Amino acid sequence: MDLPAQRRLKAIQSHVLSSTIADQSDLQANLTSSQFVHRQQYSVCLPEKLQTGKWNVYRSARSPMKIVTRFHDHPEIETLHDNFVHAVKTFGDYKYLGTRARADGMIGEYTWMTYGEAGAAREAIGSALRFHGLQKGACIGLYFINRPEWLIVDHACIAYSYISIPLYDTLGPDAVKYVVNHADVQGIFCVPRDIEYFA
């Protein structure tokens, strides 16, 4: 019996036309990161075409012939969680998330949160959810506009095996209520002024 990943791969491959060896001469791999950055080429167009349309197939310029599942220089990084943990350890004192909004609503100077501060906030949020009895796999709603808190809560969900459910105010109150009930959301993060929206 096929695994779900194998079925998805077969479905994707069924959309791709085969290429000839001569077509692959157009591909050029960038073997070093300095070449990669110098040429500013992040992806390459593969010679295959989709059968269902005129769109091109693109792949990373660093690995045009196969999909890479791990970084060569960091084989321990397998997931988004691993990637963030590595960033916190490596770049703990570096700027990570910046915002420019002031209390009066005007745009001001950037204030920054470092990777280390974001990592500590992630741990505090995730452990608080666990302390309050939310089990792995619980659905957590994120009702934010684009802001650092959205990303930190999402990092906490990833680290503690929760499912983050984006909730968009632009969909209207009925749609948000439907998503909250349909996804069995057990907790919602939002800014203080939006709390009464969920009361």
C-alpha atoms as a PDB file:
ATOM      1  CA  MET A   1       0.000   0.000   0.000  1.00  0.00           C
ATOM      2  CA  ASP A   2       1.306   3.455  -0.880  1.00  0.00           C
ATOM      3  CA  LEU A   3       2.209   5.930   1.821  1.00  0.00           C
ATOM      4  CA  PRO A   4       0.503   9.350   1.568  1.00  0.00           C
ATOM      5  CA  ALA A   5       3.838  10.960   0.626  1.00  0.00           C
ATOM      6  CA  GLN A   6       4.337   8.478  -2.216  1.00  0.00           C
ATOM      7  CA  ARG A   7       0.801   9.144  -3.488  1.00  0.00           C
ATOM      8  CA  ARG A   8       1.411  12.909  -3.432  1.00  0.00           C
ATOM      9  CA  LEU A   9       4.712  12.469  -5.265  1.00  0.00           C
ATOM     10  CA  LYS A  10       3.028  10.352  -7.958  1.00  0.00           C
ATOM     11  CA  ALA A  11       0.304  12.991  -8.333  1.00  0.00           C
ATOM     12  CA  ILE A  12       2.902  15.749  -8.725  1.00  0.00           C
ATOM     13  CA  GLN A  13       4.947  13.697 -11.172  1.00  0.00           C
ATOM     14  CA  SER A  14       1.852  13.073 -13.278  1.00  0.00           C
ATOM     15  CA  HIS A  15       1.721  16.819 -13.996  1.00  0.00           C
ATOM     16  CA  VAL A  16       5.319  16.985 -15.272  1.00  0.00           C
ATOM     17  CA  LEU A  17       6.402  16.187 -18.815  1.00  0.00           C
ATOM     18  CA  SER A  18       9.656  14.279 -19.226  1.00  0.00           C
ATOM     19  CA  SER A  19      12.722  16.038 -20.575  1.00  0.00           C
ATOM     20  CA  THR A  20      15.611  14.766 -22.661  1.00  0.00           C
ATOM     21  CA  ILE A  21      19.228  14.682 -21.510  1.00  0.00           C
ATOM     22  CA  ALA A  22      20.035  17.458 -23.995  1.00  0.00           C
ATOM     23  CA  ASP A  23      17.459  19.726 -22.295  1.00  0.00           C
ATOM     24  CA  GLN A  24      19.322  19.412 -18.993  1.00  0.00           C
ATOM     25  CA  SER A  25      22.342  21.263 -20.381  1.00  0.00           C
ATOM     26  CA  ASP A  26      20.418  24.449 -19.512  1.00  0.00           C
ATOM     27  CA  LEU A  27      20.752  23.633 -15.807  1.00  0.00           C
ATOM     28  CA  GLN A  28      23.675  24.993 -13.875  1.00  0.00           C
ATOM     29  CA  ALA A  29      24.186  24.167 -10.227  1.00  0.00           C
ATOM     30  CA  ASN A  30      25.783  26.709  -7.915  1.00  0.00           C
ATOM     31  CA  LEU A  31      27.992  24.609  -5.711  1.00  0.00           C
ATOM     32  CA  THR A  32      29.086  27.243  -3.220  1.00  0.00           C
ATOM     33  CA  SER A  33      27.093  29.787  -1.272  1.00  0.00           C
ATOM     34  CA  SER A  34      29.349  32.600  -2.570  1.00  0.00           C
ATOM     35  CA  GLN A  35      28.452  31.717  -6.160  1.00  0.00           C
ATOM     36  CA  PHE A  36      24.830  31.399  -5.121  1.00  0.00           C
ATOM     37  CA  VAL A  37      24.692  34.870  -3.570  1.00  0.00           C
ATOM     38  CA  HIS A  38      26.960  36.485  -6.157  1.00  0.00           C
ATOM     39  CA  ARG A  39      24.753  35.492  -9.073  1.00  0.00           C
ATOM     40  CA  GLN A  40      21.546  36.332  -7.155  1.00  0.00           C
ATOM     41  CA  GLN A  41      19.884  33.307  -8.644  1.00  0.00           C
ATOM     42  CA  TYR A  42      17.615  31.646  -6.121  1.00  0.00           C
ATOM     43  CA  SER A  43      15.873  29.234  -8.454  1.00  0.00           C
ATOM     44  CA  VAL A  44      16.365  27.603 -11.817  1.00  0.00           C
ATOM     45  CA  CYS A  45      13.767  26.789 -14.423  1.00  0.00           C
ATOM     46  CA  LEU A  46      13.719  23.063 -15.133  1.00  0.00           C
ATOM     47  CA  PRO A  47      13.306  21.868 -18.697  1.00  0.00           C
ATOM     48  CA  GLU A  48      10.089  20.049 -17.758  1.00  0.00           C
ATOM     49  CA  LYS A  49       6.759  21.749 -18.374  1.00  0.00           C
ATOM     50  CA  LEU A  50       3.484  21.125 -16.604  1.00  0.00           C
ATOM     51  CA  GLN A  51       1.069  19.139 -18.734  1.00  0.00           C
ATOM     52  CA  THR A  52      -1.851  21.129 -17.339  1.00  0.00           C
ATOM     53  CA  GLY A  53      -0.590  24.553 -18.422  1.00  0.00           C
ATOM     54  CA  LYS A  54       2.189  26.735 -19.753  1.00  0.00           C
ATOM     55  CA  TRP A  55       3.842  27.263 -16.377  1.00  0.00           C
ATOM     56  CA  ASN A  56       7.466  26.459 -15.762  1.00  0.00           C
ATOM     57  CA  VAL A  57       8.787  24.168 -13.063  1.00  0.00           C
ATOM     58  CA  TYR A  58      11.301  25.840 -10.712  1.00  0.00           C
ATOM     59  CA  ARG A  59      13.646  24.397  -8.139  1.00  0.00           C
ATOM     60  CA  SER A  60      16.321  25.789  -5.826  1.00  0.00           C
ATOM     61  CA  ALA A  61      19.489  26.862  -7.615  1.00  0.00           C
ATOM     62  CA  ARG A  62      21.475  25.076  -4.918  1.00  0.00           C
ATOM     63  CA  SER A  63      19.903  21.731  -5.787  1.00  0.00           C
ATOM     64  CA  PRO A  64      18.241  21.742  -9.184  1.00  0.00           C
ATOM     65  CA  MET A  65      18.292  17.982  -9.736  1.00  0.00           C
ATOM     66  CA  LYS A  66      16.712  16.780  -6.473  1.00  0.00           C
ATOM     67  CA  ILE A  67      14.715  18.008  -3.519  1.00  0.00           C
ATOM     68  CA  VAL A  68      16.932  18.542  -0.476  1.00  0.00           C
ATOM     69  CA  THR A  69      15.538  17.508   2.884  1.00  0.00           C
ATOM     70  CA  ARG A  70      18.449  18.667   5.065  1.00  0.00           C
ATOM     71  CA  PHE A  71      21.139  21.331   5.023  1.00  0.00           C
ATOM     72  CA  HIS A  72      24.617  19.985   4.221  1.00  0.00           C
ATOM     73  CA  ASP A  73      26.285  22.033   6.932  1.00  0.00           C
ATOM     74  CA  HIS A  74      23.514  21.426   9.528  1.00  0.00           C
ATOM     75  CA  PRO A  75      22.113  17.903   9.128  1.00  0.00           C
ATOM     76  CA  GLU A  76      20.517  18.156  12.588  1.00  0.00           C
ATOM     77  CA  ILE A  77      17.975  20.677  11.248  1.00  0.00           C
ATOM     78  CA  GLU A  78      14.945  18.727  10.052  1.00  0.00           C
ATOM     79  CA  THR A  79      11.959  20.860  11.067  1.00  0.00           C
ATOM     80  CA  LEU A  80      10.902  24.492  11.551  1.00  0.00           C
ATOM     81  CA  HIS A  81      11.355  23.923  15.284  1.00  0.00           C
ATOM     82  CA  ASP A  82      14.946  22.707  14.777  1.00  0.00           C
ATOM     83  CA  ASN A  83      15.640  25.698  12.542  1.00  0.00           C
ATOM     84  CA  PHE A  84      14.382  28.211  15.111  1.00  0.00           C
ATOM     85  CA  VAL A  85      16.247  26.512  17.991  1.00  0.00           C
ATOM     86  CA  HIS A  86      19.441  26.682  15.907  1.00  0.00           C
ATOM     87  CA  ALA A  87      18.835  30.383  15.150  1.00  0.00           C
ATOM     88  CA  VAL A  88      18.282  31.178  18.846  1.00  0.00           C
ATOM     89  CA  LYS A  89      21.507  29.385  19.821  1.00  0.00           C
ATOM     90  CA  THR A  90      23.549  30.905  17.000  1.00  0.00           C
ATOM     91  CA  PHE A  91      22.090  34.422  16.774  1.00  0.00           C
ATOM     92  CA  GLY A  92      20.646  34.924  20.279  1.00  0.00           C
ATOM     93  CA  ASP A  93      21.725  38.571  20.576  1.00  0.00           C
ATOM     94  CA  TYR A  94      20.900  39.540  16.984  1.00  0.00           C
ATOM     95  CA  LYS A  95      17.836  41.543  15.965  1.00  0.00           C
ATOM     96  CA  TYR A  96      14.953  39.311  14.894  1.00  0.00           C
ATOM     97  CA  LEU A  97      11.533  40.974  15.018  1.00  0.00           C
ATOM     98  CA  GLY A  98      11.109  44.720  14.653  1.00  0.00           C
ATOM     99  CA  THR A  99       8.150  47.029  14.967  1.00  0.00           C
ATOM    100  CA  ARG A 100       7.722  50.749  14.415  1.00  0.00           C
ATOM    101  CA  ALA A 101       4.283  51.520  15.861  1.00  0.00           C
ATOM    102  CA  ARG A 102       4.076  53.979  18.754  1.00  0.00           C
ATOM    103  CA  ALA A 103       1.310  54.288  21.343  1.00  0.00           C
ATOM    104  CA  ASP A 104      -0.156  57.296  19.490  1.00  0.00           C
ATOM    105  CA  GLY A 105      -0.446  55.223  16.295  1.00  0.00           C
ATOM    106  CA  MET A 106       2.266  57.085  14.389  1.00  0.00           C
ATOM    107  CA  ILE A 107       5.248  55.317  12.838  1.00  0.00           C
ATOM    108  CA  GLY A 108       8.340  55.712  14.979  1.00  0.00           C
ATOM    109  CA  GLU A 109      11.801  54.236  15.252  1.00  0.00           C
ATOM    110  CA  TYR A 110      12.195  50.482  15.143  1.00  0.00           C
ATOM    111  CA  THR A 111      12.210  48.606  18.412  1.00  0.00           C
ATOM    112  CA  TRP A 112      13.670  45.138  18.156  1.00  0.00           C
ATOM    113  CA  MET A 113      13.280  41.768  19.793  1.00  0.00           C
ATOM    114  CA  THR A 114      16.322  39.523  19.545  1.00  0.00           C
ATOM    115  CA  TYR A 115      16.276  35.847  18.640  1.00  0.00           C
ATOM    116  CA  GLY A 116      17.011  35.064  22.291  1.00  0.00           C
ATOM    117  CA  GLU A 117      14.098  37.203  23.546  1.00  0.00           C
ATOM    118  CA  ALA A 118      11.755  35.614  20.996  1.00  0.00           C
ATOM    119  CA  GLY A 119      12.941  32.164  22.067  1.00  0.00           C
ATOM    120  CA  ALA A 120      12.267  32.978  25.738  1.00  0.00           C
ATOM    121  CA  ALA A 121       8.806  34.336  24.884  1.00  0.00           C
ATOM    122  CA  ARG A 122       8.081  31.212  22.840  1.00  0.00           C
ATOM    123  CA  GLU A 123       9.015  29.002  25.795  1.00  0.00           C
ATOM    124  CA  ALA A 124       6.886  31.071  28.194  1.00  0.00           C
ATOM    125  CA  ILE A 125       3.822  30.901  25.939  1.00  0.00           C
ATOM    126  CA  GLY A 126       4.168  27.202  25.151  1.00  0.00           C
ATOM    127  CA  SER A 127       4.787  26.159  28.743  1.00  0.00           C
ATOM    128  CA  ALA A 128       1.859  28.327  29.927  1.00  0.00           C
ATOM    129  CA  LEU A 129      -0.461  26.568  27.484  1.00  0.00           C
ATOM    130  CA  ARG A 130       0.795  23.190  28.715  1.00  0.00           C
ATOM    131  CA  PHE A 131       0.445  24.331  32.371  1.00  0.00           C
ATOM    132  CA  HIS A 132      -3.204  25.234  31.723  1.00  0.00           C
ATOM    133  CA  GLY A 133      -3.932  21.726  30.470  1.00  0.00           C
ATOM    134  CA  LEU A 134      -3.828  22.053  26.689  1.00  0.00           C
ATOM    135  CA  GLN A 135      -2.677  18.751  25.240  1.00  0.00           C
ATOM    136  CA  LYS A 136      -0.529  18.154  22.153  1.00  0.00           C
ATOM    137  CA  GLY A 137      -2.568  18.637  19.003  1.00  0.00           C
ATOM    138  CA  ALA A 138      -4.834  21.303  20.520  1.00  0.00           C
ATOM    139  CA  CYS A 139      -5.921  24.046  18.105  1.00  0.00           C
ATOM    140  CA  ILE A 140      -4.821  27.577  19.037  1.00  0.00           C
ATOM    141  CA  GLY A 141      -6.341  30.601  17.294  1.00  0.00           C
ATOM    142  CA  LEU A 142      -4.171  33.554  16.231  1.00  0.00           C
ATOM    143  CA  TYR A 143      -6.248  36.712  15.775  1.00  0.00           C
ATOM    144  CA  PHE A 144      -3.610  39.297  14.913  1.00  0.00           C
ATOM    145  CA  ILE A 145      -2.688  41.582  12.101  1.00  0.00           C
ATOM    146  CA  ASN A 146       0.938  41.093  10.986  1.00  0.00           C
ATOM    147  CA  ARG A 147       2.915  41.640  14.154  1.00  0.00           C
ATOM    148  CA  PRO A 148       5.738  39.978  16.122  1.00  0.00           C
ATOM    149  CA  GLU A 149       3.313  38.343  18.550  1.00  0.00           C
ATOM    150  CA  TRP A 150       1.760  36.340  15.713  1.00  0.00           C
ATOM    151  CA  LEU A 151       5.089  34.796  14.830  1.00  0.00           C
ATOM    152  CA  ILE A 152       6.082  34.126  18.462  1.00  0.00           C
ATOM    153  CA  VAL A 153       2.799  32.351  19.210  1.00  0.00           C
ATOM    154  CA  ASP A 154       3.218  30.333  16.007  1.00  0.00           C
ATOM    155  CA  HIS A 155       6.746  29.356  17.120  1.00  0.00           C
ATOM    156  CA  ALA A 156       5.258  28.261  20.479  1.00  0.00           C
ATOM    157  CA  CYS A 157       2.641  26.157  18.694  1.00  0.00           C
ATOM    158  CA  ILE A 158       5.346  24.482  16.613  1.00  0.00           C
ATOM    159  CA  ALA A 159       7.587  23.856  19.638  1.00  0.00           C
ATOM    160  CA  TYR A 160       4.811  22.395  21.817  1.00  0.00           C
ATOM    161  CA  SER A 161       2.970  20.446  19.093  1.00  0.00           C
ATOM    162  CA  TYR A 162      -0.114  22.650  18.910  1.00  0.00           C
ATOM    163  CA  ILE A 163      -1.948  23.508  15.707  1.00  0.00           C
ATOM    164  CA  SER A 164      -2.045  27.235  14.945  1.00  0.00           C
ATOM    165  CA  ILE A 165      -5.276  28.426  13.347  1.00  0.00           C
ATOM    166  CA  PRO A 166      -5.069  31.863  11.683  1.00  0.00           C
ATOM    167  CA  LEU A 167      -8.207  33.938  12.271  1.00  0.00           C
ATOM    168  CA  TYR A 168      -8.715  36.927   9.988  1.00  0.00           C
ATOM    169  CA  ASP A 169     -10.868  39.901  10.957  1.00  0.00           C
ATOM    170  CA  THR A 170     -11.363  40.661   7.261  1.00  0.00           C
ATOM    171  CA  LEU A 171     -13.545  37.552   6.934  1.00  0.00           C
ATOM    172  CA  GLY A 172     -16.170  39.020   9.263  1.00  0.00           C
ATOM    173  CA  PRO A 173     -17.484  37.825  12.639  1.00  0.00           C
ATOM    174  CA  ASP A 174     -19.577  34.958  11.239  1.00  0.00           C
ATOM    175  CA  ALA A 175     -16.629  33.413   9.401  1.00  0.00           C
ATOM    176  CA  VAL A 176     -14.346  33.734  12.446  1.00  0.00           C
ATOM    177  CA  LYS A 177     -17.001  32.121  14.664  1.00  0.00           C
ATOM    178  CA  TYR A 178     -17.402  29.315  12.122  1.00  0.00           C
ATOM    179  CA  VAL A 179     -13.628  28.645  11.992  1.00  0.00           C
ATOM    180  CA  VAL A 180     -13.312  28.736  15.801  1.00  0.00           C
ATOM    181  CA  ASN A 181     -16.142  26.229  16.231  1.00  0.00           C
ATOM    182  CA  HIS A 182     -15.290  24.035  13.240  1.00  0.00           C
ATOM    183  CA  ALA A 183     -11.603  23.717  14.200  1.00  0.00           C
ATOM    184  CA  ASP A 184     -12.424  23.192  17.892  1.00  0.00           C
ATOM    185  CA  VAL A 185     -10.132  26.070  18.862  1.00  0.00           C
ATOM    186  CA  GLN A 186      -9.257  25.742  22.557  1.00  0.00           C
ATOM    187  CA  GLY A 187      -7.440  29.048  23.003  1.00  0.00           C
ATOM    188  CA  ILE A 188      -7.166  32.336  21.122  1.00  0.00           C
ATOM    189  CA  PHE A 189      -4.338  34.868  21.144  1.00  0.00           C
ATOM    190  CA  CYS A 190      -5.193  38.458  20.285  1.00  0.00           C
ATOM    191  CA  VAL A 191      -4.367  42.027  21.329  1.00  0.00           C
ATOM    192  CA  PRO A 192      -6.211  43.312  24.448  1.00  0.00           C
ATOM    193  CA  ARG A 193      -8.647  45.512  22.493  1.00  0.00           C
ATOM    194  CA  ASP A 194      -9.964  42.432  20.630  1.00  0.00           C
ATOM    195  CA  ILE A 195     -10.771  40.324  23.714  1.00  0.00           C
ATOM    196  CA  GLU A 196     -14.390  41.501  23.853  1.00  0.00           C
ATOM    197  CA  TYR A 197     -14.804  40.299  20.252  1.00  0.00           C
ATOM    198  CA  PHE A 198     -14.529  36.721  21.551  1.00  0.00           C
ATOM    199  CA  ALA A 199     -16.467  37.185  24.818  1.00  0.00           C
END
